[in-house]
């Protein structure tokens, strides 16, 4: 099923369009803008060839090329279809980075076409949460490598991709304890019995005994089956040959992949924890291993945020929020060559938090068009009324994240996959946030209760010599604002406002006026005007992350570009003039 501008059965067109959108938006290509009627057009030269597209410009300057409008001029002056390879070959960056980019986009197209051929169209509105996680096959609405999954074959895509929803068991290793670090909520034996169930725990114990390996010397490590097959004869081979690790094979419950591929849901026990396992592949914008330092810090960070939420009544009464606890972590060879390739994080099950009458969907489902040509939420909008439903959605999506930032000084990466919407028959009632181990940030001087900050120096010696912005803390409030506004506004809610404009003729400006009004009222009602102003959220222009620039140049962890701010104070003042 598509995003609003997608052409049916044309993932190649979508990949090209998203590539051009990101290149234009981030200023990677120098384009001239002109106006043809109501819509702007962009024209640029690259590699000795002229290109053009028609596009709309949305909130925060988001450029949205029209479907099938990206064209190149041939030698005879005619405007023709664009060769993706030719366009990429003329981009800046190294030959290696351009080659990787082209490979990942080609893989994205191939897997999207595989889905079209092999996955039947499914009515997603009635799906339960786990099924919907796999059926949301559209991927990232901005990045053109939204289904790259480097190293996956078609067979791997079918076996381990979320779309086919095929269940599989985890592979279990026994690893010498000197290589292991663990952060468990209980004693190790009690933890494994609770997570695995008594039968699987007894089976693994028996296997360990048969190998003659004592529990004092070797500990359990789960592994994604693709990761085992991919690395068993390469990175893992030395450990296995030296007896530092032993594979005892598949065992236990069956799992299915979520949208992120590496996070898995328990199929046999639907209310059991989800588990996040490293995969040595690039998907969308980054390699999907685990940051070694974060694995055993994850339980402390999520518990800290959870305690903040539990201790603030406003999160219960006015800004309902649930924090999914990442309550256990395990990492092998954290400082060695296998760092990030062997480990696991256990996360509280979202469905286990639901009250009677509540249901849950991934937030990015609301960006999608279904097989009948109508938005996923169309029935809800028809029942509750467009403006009432839209206003309620904005309140539930924005204010809990904003209150956590402004009042408590915690910024979280609230993008479409990290947010879950709890609803009652389609009426938004609560927000759930997940995935904090490598996607939260705070400024010590801006914390509401700095005395409750975890002692990071005790958690990992790496933190002792760390610079600001290297791990979880920063000395720059702009970094907090950018993390929240990037993920929640620039690359998330703009997709919702665009869908409402495209499908219901609600001007995007009206959506963002409502957001701006909510933030202004929030500050006034809670005495937060000074703290909110310190974040500079309403300045005319803001920095946002340049995802494609990083892909091309790859010399720094992050790149940024300046964009117009849809929440700018000068725009607010102009709107309020009589």
Protein backbone atom coordinates (compact mmCIF):
# COMPACT_ATOMS: atom_id res chain seq x y z
CA UNK A 1 0.00 0.00 0.00
CA UNK A 2 1.32 3.45 -0.82
CA UNK A 3 2.17 6.82 0.62
CA UNK A 4 0.01 9.61 -0.83
CA UNK A 5 2.17 10.41 -3.88
CA UNK A 6 3.20 6.86 -4.80
CA UNK A 7 2.36 5.27 -8.14
CA UNK A 8 1.01 1.72 -7.84
CA UNK A 9 3.64 -0.88 -8.66
CA UNK A 10 6.38 1.70 -9.26
CA UNK A 11 8.92 1.52 -6.43
CA UNK A 12 11.56 2.66 -8.93
CA UNK A 13 9.70 5.95 -9.37
CA UNK A 14 9.31 6.36 -5.62
CA UNK A 15 13.01 5.74 -4.93
CA UNK A 16 14.00 8.27 -7.60
CA UNK A 17 11.51 10.82 -6.31
CA UNK A 18 12.67 10.45 -2.69
CA UNK A 19 16.30 10.69 -3.78
CA UNK A 20 15.64 13.93 -5.65
CA UNK A 21 13.55 15.29 -2.77
CA UNK A 22 16.38 14.70 -0.30
CA UNK A 23 19.04 16.12 -2.64
CA UNK A 24 17.01 19.28 -3.19
CA UNK A 25 15.99 19.64 0.44
CA UNK A 26 19.53 19.26 1.77
CA UNK A 27 21.08 21.47 -0.90
CA UNK A 28 23.29 18.70 -2.27
CA UNK A 29 22.38 19.82 -5.77
CA UNK A 30 22.19 23.49 -6.72
CA UNK A 31 18.75 23.92 -8.24
CA UNK A 32 17.00 26.93 -9.73
CA UNK A 33 13.40 27.38 -8.67
CA UNK A 34 10.69 28.76 -10.92
CA UNK A 35 6.90 28.90 -10.78
CA UNK A 36 4.64 27.40 -13.40
CA UNK A 37 1.13 28.31 -12.33
CA UNK A 38 0.61 27.37 -8.68
CA UNK A 39 3.37 24.75 -8.32
CA UNK A 40 7.10 25.48 -8.23
CA UNK A 41 9.50 23.69 -10.53
CA UNK A 42 13.13 22.88 -9.89
CA UNK A 43 15.82 22.83 -12.58
CA UNK A 44 19.44 21.76 -12.16
CA UNK A 45 22.51 20.65 -14.06
CA UNK A 46 24.41 17.55 -13.05
CA UNK A 47 27.07 15.63 -14.94
CA UNK A 48 26.51 17.74 -18.03
CA UNK A 49 22.81 16.91 -18.17
CA UNK A 50 19.77 19.07 -17.36
CA UNK A 51 17.12 17.79 -14.95
CA UNK A 52 13.77 19.11 -13.76
CA UNK A 53 10.81 18.25 -11.58
CA UNK A 54 7.63 19.90 -10.40
CA UNK A 55 7.11 19.89 -6.65
CA UNK A 56 5.22 21.29 -3.72
CA UNK A 57 6.95 22.88 -0.75
CA UNK A 58 5.51 21.96 2.60
CA UNK A 59 6.12 22.80 6.27
CA UNK A 60 9.76 23.19 7.29
CA UNK A 61 10.55 23.62 3.60
CA UNK A 62 9.93 19.93 2.85
CA UNK A 63 10.18 19.48 -0.93
CA UNK A 64 7.77 16.94 -2.40
CA UNK A 65 8.30 16.21 -6.10
CA UNK A 66 5.14 15.34 -7.96
CA UNK A 67 4.72 11.75 -9.08
CA UNK A 68 6.51 10.94 -12.34
CA UNK A 69 7.74 14.53 -12.72
CA UNK A 70 11.51 13.96 -12.41
CA UNK A 71 12.88 14.16 -15.96
CA UNK A 72 16.24 14.50 -17.71
CA UNK A 73 16.92 16.26 -20.99
CA UNK A 74 18.45 14.09 -23.70
CA UNK A 75 20.88 15.20 -26.39
CA UNK A 76 18.04 16.14 -28.68
CA UNK A 77 16.41 18.42 -26.09
CA UNK A 78 13.51 16.09 -25.23
CA UNK A 79 12.58 15.45 -21.57
CA UNK A 80 12.80 11.74 -20.82
CA UNK A 81 12.89 9.20 -17.99
CA UNK A 82 15.82 9.54 -15.59
CA UNK A 83 18.49 6.89 -15.26
CA UNK A 84 19.05 6.38 -11.54
CA UNK A 85 22.60 5.17 -12.17
CA UNK A 86 23.44 8.18 -14.33
CA UNK A 87 22.07 10.61 -11.76
CA UNK A 88 23.95 8.98 -8.87
CA UNK A 89 27.22 8.83 -10.82
CA UNK A 90 27.22 12.63 -11.11
CA UNK A 91 26.63 13.31 -7.40
CA UNK A 92 29.33 14.62 -5.07
CA UNK A 93 31.08 12.27 -2.64
CA UNK A 94 33.44 9.38 -3.24
CA UNK A 95 33.02 6.67 -5.84
CA UNK A 96 32.62 4.20 -3.00
CA UNK A 97 29.84 6.16 -1.32
CA UNK A 98 28.00 6.65 -4.62
CA UNK A 99 28.33 2.97 -5.39
CA UNK A 100 26.93 1.99 -2.00
CA UNK A 101 24.06 4.43 -2.40
CA UNK A 102 23.15 3.03 -5.81
CA UNK A 103 23.38 -0.55 -4.54
CA UNK A 104 21.11 0.22 -1.59
CA UNK A 105 18.51 1.96 -3.76
CA UNK A 106 18.62 -0.90 -6.26
CA UNK A 107 18.10 -3.35 -3.39
CA UNK A 108 15.21 -1.24 -2.12
CA UNK A 109 13.52 -1.40 -5.51
CA UNK A 110 14.13 -5.14 -5.81
CA UNK A 111 12.68 -5.96 -2.38
CA UNK A 112 9.72 -3.65 -2.95
CA UNK A 113 9.02 -5.42 -6.24
CA UNK A 114 9.36 -8.78 -4.48
CA UNK A 115 6.72 -7.64 -2.00
CA UNK A 116 4.38 -6.64 -4.84
CA UNK A 117 4.75 -10.07 -6.44
CA UNK A 118 4.60 -12.23 -3.34
CA UNK A 119 2.65 -10.46 -0.59
CA UNK A 120 -1.10 -10.30 -1.23
CA UNK A 121 -2.89 -7.04 -0.59
CA UNK A 122 -4.18 -7.19 2.96
CA UNK A 123 -6.88 -5.16 4.72
CA UNK A 124 -4.75 -3.60 7.44
CA UNK A 125 -7.29 -1.55 9.40
CA UNK A 126 -8.55 -4.59 11.34
CA UNK A 127 -5.13 -6.12 11.98
CA UNK A 128 -3.87 -6.66 15.49
CA UNK A 129 -0.69 -4.88 16.49
CA UNK A 130 1.86 -7.61 15.73
CA UNK A 131 0.45 -8.30 12.28
CA UNK A 132 0.27 -4.60 11.49
CA UNK A 133 3.95 -4.14 12.42
CA UNK A 134 4.86 -6.49 9.60
CA UNK A 135 2.24 -5.31 7.13
CA UNK A 136 3.41 -1.68 7.21
CA UNK A 137 5.72 -2.28 4.29
CA UNK A 138 6.08 1.27 2.97
CA UNK A 139 9.28 2.05 4.88
CA UNK A 140 10.82 5.47 5.49
CA UNK A 141 8.84 8.22 3.71
CA UNK A 142 11.91 10.47 3.21
CA UNK A 143 15.00 8.29 2.77
CA UNK A 144 15.34 6.58 -0.66
CA UNK A 145 17.08 3.50 0.81
CA UNK A 146 14.02 2.56 2.84
CA UNK A 147 14.34 -1.18 2.21
CA UNK A 148 18.03 -1.69 1.46
CA UNK A 149 18.83 -4.55 3.89
CA UNK A 150 22.34 -5.06 2.57
CA UNK A 151 23.41 -8.69 2.55
CA UNK A 152 19.86 -10.06 2.44
CA UNK A 153 19.05 -12.36 -0.46
CA UNK A 154 15.49 -12.80 -1.71
CA UNK A 155 15.32 -15.91 0.46
CA UNK A 156 16.48 -13.92 3.50
CA UNK A 157 13.95 -11.21 2.74
CA UNK A 158 11.22 -13.84 2.65
CA UNK A 159 12.43 -15.61 5.80
CA UNK A 160 13.36 -12.67 8.03
CA UNK A 161 11.71 -9.57 6.59
CA UNK A 162 8.63 -8.30 8.42
CA UNK A 163 6.45 -8.34 5.31
CA UNK A 164 6.17 -12.11 4.93
CA UNK A 165 5.77 -12.48 8.73
CA UNK A 166 7.38 -15.92 8.78
CA UNK A 167 8.16 -17.11 12.32
CA UNK A 168 11.62 -18.33 13.24
CA UNK A 169 13.49 -19.44 16.34
CA UNK A 170 16.56 -17.75 17.73
CA UNK A 171 19.97 -19.39 17.62
CA UNK A 172 21.61 -19.87 21.02
CA UNK A 173 25.31 -19.59 21.81
CA UNK A 174 27.27 -20.35 24.93
CA UNK A 175 29.98 -17.71 25.28
CA UNK A 176 32.85 -17.62 27.75
CA UNK A 177 31.84 -15.34 30.60
CA UNK A 178 34.98 -13.23 30.42
CA UNK A 179 33.56 -11.81 27.16
CA UNK A 180 30.09 -11.03 28.59
CA UNK A 181 28.51 -7.99 30.23
CA UNK A 182 24.95 -8.19 31.51
CA UNK A 183 22.38 -5.87 33.04
CA UNK A 184 19.51 -8.07 34.20
CA UNK A 185 16.54 -7.19 36.41
CA UNK A 186 16.95 -10.31 38.56
CA UNK A 187 19.36 -13.13 39.17
CA UNK A 188 20.51 -14.75 35.95
CA UNK A 189 18.78 -18.07 36.55
CA UNK A 190 15.46 -16.39 37.42
CA UNK A 191 15.77 -14.08 34.44
CA UNK A 192 16.26 -16.87 31.92
CA UNK A 193 13.50 -19.03 33.38
CA UNK A 194 11.07 -16.12 33.15
CA UNK A 195 12.11 -15.14 29.62
CA UNK A 196 12.41 -18.59 28.09
CA UNK A 197 9.84 -20.56 30.03
CA UNK A 198 10.76 -23.65 32.07
CA UNK A 199 10.84 -26.11 29.15
CA UNK A 200 13.23 -24.11 26.96
CA UNK A 201 15.37 -23.23 29.97
CA UNK A 202 15.65 -26.91 30.90
CA UNK A 203 16.47 -27.84 27.30
CA UNK A 204 19.28 -25.29 27.06
CA UNK A 205 20.67 -26.35 30.43
CA UNK A 206 20.72 -29.95 29.25
CA UNK A 207 22.52 -28.97 26.05
CA UNK A 208 25.10 -27.07 28.07
CA UNK A 209 25.62 -30.04 30.36
CA UNK A 210 26.03 -32.39 27.39
CA UNK A 211 28.81 -30.15 26.08
CA UNK A 212 30.55 -30.28 29.44
CA UNK A 213 30.45 -26.49 29.84
CA UNK A 214 29.82 -25.21 33.34
CA UNK A 215 27.36 -22.33 33.94
CA UNK A 216 30.11 -20.59 35.91
CA UNK A 217 32.28 -20.39 32.79
CA UNK A 218 29.79 -19.94 29.95
CA UNK A 219 26.65 -17.82 29.57
CA UNK A 220 23.76 -17.81 27.13
CA UNK A 221 23.58 -15.34 24.21
CA UNK A 222 20.67 -15.29 21.72
CA UNK A 223 21.42 -14.62 18.08
CA UNK A 224 19.34 -13.83 15.02
CA UNK A 225 19.63 -16.82 12.64
CA UNK A 226 20.70 -14.57 9.75
CA UNK A 227 23.43 -13.05 11.92
CA UNK A 228 24.68 -16.50 12.83
CA UNK A 229 24.77 -17.67 9.23
CA UNK A 230 26.32 -14.42 8.04
CA UNK A 231 29.15 -14.35 10.59
CA UNK A 232 29.69 -17.96 11.73
CA UNK A 233 32.51 -18.58 9.27
CA UNK A 234 34.00 -15.09 9.44
CA UNK A 235 33.94 -12.95 12.57
CA UNK A 236 32.78 -15.75 14.88
CA UNK A 237 35.07 -18.42 13.47
CA UNK A 238 38.04 -17.61 15.72
CA UNK A 239 35.98 -17.82 18.90
CA UNK A 240 34.43 -21.11 17.85
CA UNK A 241 37.76 -22.63 16.90
CA UNK A 242 39.28 -21.53 20.23
CA UNK A 243 36.34 -22.85 22.25
CA UNK A 244 35.34 -19.36 23.39
CA UNK A 245 31.86 -19.86 21.95
CA UNK A 246 29.69 -22.90 21.22
CA UNK A 247 26.54 -22.96 19.13
CA UNK A 248 23.73 -25.06 20.59
CA UNK A 249 21.31 -24.32 17.76
CA UNK A 250 17.74 -23.04 17.55
CA UNK A 251 15.45 -23.30 20.55
CA UNK A 252 12.50 -21.69 22.25
CA UNK A 253 9.68 -19.46 21.11
CA UNK A 254 9.19 -18.34 17.53
CA UNK A 255 9.54 -14.68 16.62
CA UNK A 256 8.50 -12.40 13.76
CA UNK A 257 10.23 -9.24 12.63
CA UNK A 258 8.89 -5.74 13.18
CA UNK A 259 9.34 -2.83 10.76
CA UNK A 260 12.88 -2.29 12.00
CA UNK A 261 13.77 -5.91 11.05
CA UNK A 262 16.13 -6.39 14.02
CA UNK A 263 13.43 -5.95 16.72
CA UNK A 264 11.37 -9.12 17.08
CA UNK A 265 7.96 -9.92 18.52
CA UNK A 266 7.21 -13.21 20.29
CA UNK A 267 4.67 -15.11 18.21
CA UNK A 268 4.10 -18.00 20.63
CA UNK A 269 3.62 -15.78 23.68
CA UNK A 270 2.12 -12.53 22.36
CA UNK A 271 2.46 -10.68 25.68
CA UNK A 272 6.08 -11.67 26.26
CA UNK A 273 8.91 -9.21 25.79
CA UNK A 274 10.17 -8.14 22.40
CA UNK A 275 13.87 -8.61 21.77
CA UNK A 276 16.28 -6.43 19.80
CA UNK A 277 19.18 -8.27 18.17
CA UNK A 278 22.04 -6.91 16.08
CA UNK A 279 22.15 -7.45 12.32
CA UNK A 280 25.28 -6.73 10.33
CA UNK A 281 23.40 -4.96 7.56
CA UNK A 282 22.65 -1.43 6.47
CA UNK A 283 18.97 -0.55 6.39
CA UNK A 284 17.87 2.97 5.43
CA UNK A 285 20.56 5.16 6.97
CA UNK A 286 22.72 3.08 9.30
CA UNK A 287 24.23 -0.30 10.09
CA UNK A 288 21.87 -2.24 12.34
CA UNK A 289 24.31 -3.55 14.90
CA UNK A 290 23.99 -2.49 18.55
CA UNK A 291 25.99 0.36 20.05
CA UNK A 292 28.07 -1.64 22.57
CA UNK A 293 28.06 1.01 25.30
CA UNK A 294 24.27 1.34 25.16
CA UNK A 295 23.22 -2.26 25.72
CA UNK A 296 23.79 -2.45 29.47
CA UNK A 297 22.97 1.23 29.92
CA UNK A 298 19.56 0.75 28.31
CA UNK A 299 17.78 -0.54 31.45
CA UNK A 300 19.08 2.38 33.51
CA UNK A 301 18.12 5.02 30.93
CA UNK A 302 14.61 3.70 30.30
CA UNK A 303 14.01 3.21 34.02
CA UNK A 304 15.09 6.82 34.65
CA UNK A 305 12.69 8.15 32.02
CA UNK A 306 9.94 5.86 33.27
CA UNK A 307 10.35 7.13 36.81
CA UNK A 308 10.15 10.72 35.60
CA UNK A 309 6.88 9.94 33.82
CA UNK A 310 5.47 7.99 36.78
CA UNK A 311 6.31 10.84 39.16
CA UNK A 312 4.58 13.59 37.16
CA UNK A 313 0.79 13.58 37.44
CA UNK A 314 0.46 15.59 34.25
CA UNK A 315 1.60 12.54 32.30
CA UNK A 316 -1.42 10.74 33.69
CA UNK A 317 -4.04 13.48 33.59
CA UNK A 318 -3.26 15.68 30.59
CA UNK A 319 -0.34 14.33 28.56
CA UNK A 320 -0.84 10.56 28.77
CA UNK A 321 2.40 8.73 28.12
CA UNK A 322 3.73 5.22 28.60
CA UNK A 323 7.44 4.39 28.47
CA UNK A 324 8.27 0.88 27.32
CA UNK A 325 11.03 -0.33 29.56
CA UNK A 326 14.19 -1.78 28.02
CA UNK A 327 14.64 -3.79 31.16
CA UNK A 328 17.52 -6.12 30.31
CA UNK A 329 20.66 -6.03 28.19
CA UNK A 330 23.47 -8.40 27.33
CA UNK A 331 26.58 -7.74 25.23
CA UNK A 332 29.55 -9.89 24.21
CA UNK A 333 33.04 -8.59 23.41
CA UNK A 334 31.96 -4.99 24.04
CA UNK A 335 35.45 -3.63 23.51
CA UNK A 336 36.69 -6.12 20.91
CA UNK A 337 36.29 -6.91 17.22
CA UNK A 338 32.85 -8.45 17.75
CA UNK A 339 31.56 -5.31 19.51
CA UNK A 340 27.95 -4.66 18.54
CA UNK A 341 27.52 -7.96 16.70
CA UNK A 342 26.60 -10.17 19.67
CA UNK A 343 24.07 -8.92 22.18
CA UNK A 344 20.42 -8.37 22.97
CA UNK A 345 18.04 -5.86 24.55
CA UNK A 346 14.71 -6.99 26.02
CA UNK A 347 11.83 -4.55 25.84
CA UNK A 348 8.49 -4.52 27.64
CA UNK A 349 5.59 -5.62 25.45
CA UNK A 350 3.38 -2.72 24.38
CA UNK A 351 0.24 -4.86 24.25
CA UNK A 352 0.74 -5.81 27.89
CA UNK A 353 0.19 -2.15 28.86
CA UNK A 354 -3.28 -1.90 27.32
CA UNK A 355 -6.42 -1.41 29.37
CA UNK A 356 -9.78 -2.98 28.48
CA UNK A 357 -11.17 -1.35 25.35
CA UNK A 358 -7.80 -0.01 24.18
CA UNK A 359 -6.00 -0.97 20.98
CA UNK A 360 -2.64 0.02 19.59
CA UNK A 361 -1.09 0.87 16.21
CA UNK A 362 2.37 2.00 15.10
CA UNK A 363 2.10 5.75 14.61
CA UNK A 364 3.37 5.66 11.03
CA UNK A 365 0.28 3.66 10.00
CA UNK A 366 -1.47 7.04 10.00
CA UNK A 367 0.72 8.19 7.09
CA UNK A 368 -0.51 5.45 4.76
CA UNK A 369 -3.13 4.94 2.06
CA UNK A 370 -4.93 1.59 2.05
CA UNK A 371 -5.96 -0.65 -0.83
CA UNK A 372 -9.31 1.14 -1.17
CA UNK A 373 -7.50 4.42 -1.90
CA UNK A 374 -8.41 5.97 1.44
CA UNK A 375 -6.18 6.76 4.44
CA UNK A 376 -5.68 4.15 7.14
CA UNK A 377 -7.64 6.33 9.59
CA UNK A 378 -10.45 7.23 7.18
CA UNK A 379 -13.17 5.37 9.08
CA UNK A 380 -12.12 7.00 12.35
CA UNK A 381 -12.09 10.44 10.74
CA UNK A 382 -15.54 9.84 9.29
CA UNK A 383 -16.89 8.75 12.67
CA UNK A 384 -15.42 11.47 14.89
CA UNK A 385 -15.18 14.31 12.40
CA UNK A 386 -12.03 15.48 10.67
CA UNK A 387 -11.10 18.50 12.77
CA UNK A 388 -12.01 16.92 16.11
CA UNK A 389 -9.97 13.83 15.33
CA UNK A 390 -7.04 15.81 13.92
CA UNK A 391 -6.88 18.11 16.94
CA UNK A 392 -7.02 15.19 19.34
CA UNK A 393 -4.29 13.34 17.44
CA UNK A 394 -2.00 16.36 17.61
CA UNK A 395 -2.57 16.72 21.35
CA UNK A 396 -1.78 13.06 22.02
CA UNK A 397 1.22 12.94 19.70
CA UNK A 398 2.87 16.25 20.58
CA UNK A 399 2.24 17.25 24.18
CA UNK A 400 3.69 14.21 26.00
CA UNK A 401 6.96 14.47 24.04
CA UNK A 402 7.00 18.24 24.46
CA UNK A 403 6.34 18.10 28.21
CA UNK A 404 9.15 15.58 28.64
CA UNK A 405 11.46 18.01 26.83
CA UNK A 406 10.39 21.39 28.19
CA UNK A 407 9.52 20.50 31.75
CA UNK A 408 11.98 17.69 32.42
CA UNK A 409 14.80 18.36 29.95
CA UNK A 410 14.73 14.95 28.24
CA UNK A 411 14.74 14.80 24.43
CA UNK A 412 13.66 11.58 22.75
CA UNK A 413 13.70 10.41 19.16
CA UNK A 414 9.97 10.43 18.51
CA UNK A 415 9.80 9.28 14.90
CA UNK A 416 7.03 7.21 13.35
CA UNK A 417 8.39 3.78 14.33
CA UNK A 418 9.29 4.75 17.90
CA UNK A 419 5.79 6.08 18.62
CA UNK A 420 2.75 3.87 19.21
CA UNK A 421 -0.76 5.28 19.33
CA UNK A 422 -3.23 3.84 21.83
CA UNK A 423 -6.84 4.43 20.81
CA UNK A 424 -10.38 3.46 21.68
CA UNK A 425 -12.26 2.61 18.49
CA UNK A 426 -10.07 5.13 16.66
CA UNK A 427 -10.15 7.96 19.21
CA UNK A 428 -6.55 8.73 20.32
CA UNK A 429 -6.12 8.29 24.07
CA UNK A 430 -2.43 7.76 24.85
CA UNK A 431 1.08 7.74 23.43
CA UNK A 432 3.63 4.97 23.94
CA UNK A 433 7.32 5.66 23.32
CA UNK A 434 10.02 3.01 22.83
CA UNK A 435 13.70 2.61 21.97
CA UNK A 436 15.78 4.85 24.25
CA UNK A 437 19.14 3.13 24.47
CA UNK A 438 20.64 5.12 21.61
CA UNK A 439 18.01 7.77 20.90
CA UNK A 440 17.66 10.11 23.87
CA UNK A 441 19.61 13.14 25.00
CA UNK A 442 19.70 15.57 27.91
CA UNK A 443 21.49 18.73 28.97
CA UNK A 444 22.55 18.50 32.64
CA UNK A 445 21.95 22.21 33.24
CA UNK A 446 18.42 21.97 31.81
CA UNK A 447 17.21 18.96 33.78
CA UNK A 448 14.30 19.56 36.12
CA UNK A 449 15.69 17.11 38.69
CA UNK A 450 19.43 16.72 38.00
CA UNK A 451 19.90 14.91 41.30
CA UNK A 452 18.12 11.88 39.86
CA UNK A 453 20.41 11.55 36.85
CA UNK A 454 22.00 8.11 36.57
CA UNK A 455 25.65 7.92 37.47
CA UNK A 456 26.94 7.24 33.97
CA UNK A 457 30.54 7.05 35.16
CA UNK A 458 29.66 3.94 37.16
CA UNK A 459 27.81 2.38 34.24
CA UNK A 460 30.67 2.39 31.77
CA UNK A 461 34.23 3.75 31.97
CA UNK A 462 33.86 5.04 28.40
CA UNK A 463 31.58 7.77 29.68
CA UNK A 464 34.30 9.22 31.89
CA UNK A 465 36.34 10.72 29.05
CA UNK A 466 33.41 11.39 26.71
CA UNK A 467 32.79 14.73 25.05
CA UNK A 468 29.36 16.36 25.04
CA UNK A 469 27.14 15.01 22.24
CA UNK A 470 29.16 11.80 22.08
CA UNK A 471 26.73 9.76 24.12
CA UNK A 472 23.61 10.88 26.00
CA UNK A 473 24.43 14.34 27.29
CA UNK A 474 25.04 17.67 25.62
CA UNK A 475 25.88 21.19 26.71
CA UNK A 476 23.85 22.67 23.86
CA UNK A 477 20.09 23.13 24.13
CA UNK A 478 19.90 23.37 20.35
CA UNK A 479 20.75 19.67 20.23
CA UNK A 480 17.72 18.82 22.37
CA UNK A 481 15.42 20.96 20.28
CA UNK A 482 16.80 19.51 17.07
CA UNK A 483 16.35 15.89 18.16
CA UNK A 484 12.70 16.42 19.07
CA UNK A 485 11.74 18.77 16.23
CA UNK A 486 13.53 16.63 13.62
CA UNK A 487 11.92 13.37 14.58
CA UNK A 488 8.50 14.56 15.75
CA UNK A 489 7.90 17.48 13.40
CA UNK A 490 10.19 17.71 10.35
CA UNK A 491 10.23 14.01 9.37
CA UNK A 492 7.12 12.68 11.13
CA UNK A 493 4.08 14.92 11.56
CA UNK A 494 4.75 16.60 8.20
CA UNK A 495 3.75 13.25 6.68
CA UNK A 496 0.43 13.39 8.57
CA UNK A 497 -0.24 17.01 7.61
CA UNK A 498 0.58 16.18 3.97
CA UNK A 499 -1.83 13.23 3.95
CA UNK A 500 -4.64 15.32 5.43
CA UNK A 501 -4.03 18.02 2.84
CA UNK A 502 -3.80 15.50 -0.01
CA UNK A 503 -6.85 13.44 0.96
CA UNK A 504 -9.16 15.88 2.76
CA UNK A 505 -8.08 19.31 1.48
CA UNK A 506 -7.06 20.47 4.94
CA UNK A 507 -4.35 23.10 4.33
CA UNK A 508 -1.13 22.07 6.01
CA UNK A 509 -0.88 25.55 7.49
CA UNK A 510 -4.00 24.82 9.55
CA UNK A 511 -2.43 21.68 11.00
CA UNK A 512 0.73 23.54 12.00
CA UNK A 513 -1.22 26.48 13.38
CA UNK A 514 -2.84 24.00 15.72
CA UNK A 515 0.57 22.63 16.76
CA UNK A 516 1.89 26.14 17.37
CA UNK A 517 -1.21 27.07 19.38
CA UNK A 518 -0.86 23.97 21.54
CA UNK A 519 2.77 24.75 22.34
CA UNK A 520 1.96 28.35 23.22
CA UNK A 521 -0.95 27.31 25.44
CA UNK A 522 1.18 24.59 27.04
CA UNK A 523 3.80 27.12 28.13
CA UNK A 524 1.24 29.55 29.52
CA UNK A 525 -0.81 26.95 31.37
CA UNK A 526 2.18 25.27 33.00
CA UNK A 527 4.42 28.25 33.72
CA UNK A 528 6.95 26.99 31.17
CA UNK A 529 7.30 30.10 29.00
CA UNK A 530 10.88 30.79 30.06
CA UNK A 531 12.08 27.20 29.69
CA UNK A 532 10.31 26.81 26.37
CA UNK A 533 11.85 30.05 25.09
CA UNK A 534 15.32 28.80 26.01
CA UNK A 535 14.91 26.02 23.44
CA UNK A 536 14.50 28.50 20.59
CA UNK A 537 11.80 26.38 19.03
CA UNK A 538 10.16 29.36 17.31
CA UNK A 539 13.14 31.01 15.62
CA UNK A 540 12.70 31.72 11.89
CA UNK A 541 15.09 28.99 10.74
CA UNK A 542 16.29 25.81 12.42
CA UNK A 543 18.89 23.17 11.70
CA UNK A 544 17.72 19.71 10.72
CA UNK A 545 19.68 16.53 10.05
CA UNK A 546 20.91 15.91 6.49
CA UNK A 547 20.41 12.18 6.01
CA UNK A 548 21.40 12.02 2.35
CA UNK A 549 24.44 14.26 2.82
CA UNK A 550 25.76 11.86 5.45
CA UNK A 551 25.15 8.96 3.08
CA UNK A 552 27.23 10.62 0.36
CA UNK A 553 30.11 12.03 2.37
CA UNK A 554 30.23 9.84 5.52
CA UNK A 555 33.03 11.88 7.12
CA UNK A 556 31.07 12.92 10.24
CA UNK A 557 28.42 11.24 12.40
CA UNK A 558 25.89 13.91 11.45
CA UNK A 559 25.37 16.63 8.87
CA UNK A 560 22.83 19.44 9.11
CA UNK A 561 21.14 22.05 6.92
CA UNK A 562 19.00 25.10 7.67
CA UNK A 563 15.27 25.01 6.97
CA UNK A 564 12.39 27.46 7.50
CA UNK A 565 10.55 26.84 10.75
CA UNK A 566 6.81 26.18 10.49
CA UNK A 567 6.50 27.25 14.16
CA UNK A 568 8.41 30.51 13.78
CA UNK A 569 7.33 33.42 15.98
CA UNK A 570 7.20 35.88 13.07
CA UNK A 571 4.72 33.63 11.25
CA UNK A 572 2.61 33.42 14.38
CA UNK A 573 2.55 37.18 14.73
CA UNK A 574 1.56 37.68 11.08
CA UNK A 575 -1.31 35.21 11.44
CA UNK A 576 -2.66 37.03 14.49
CA UNK A 577 -2.69 40.52 12.95
CA UNK A 578 -6.24 41.81 12.35
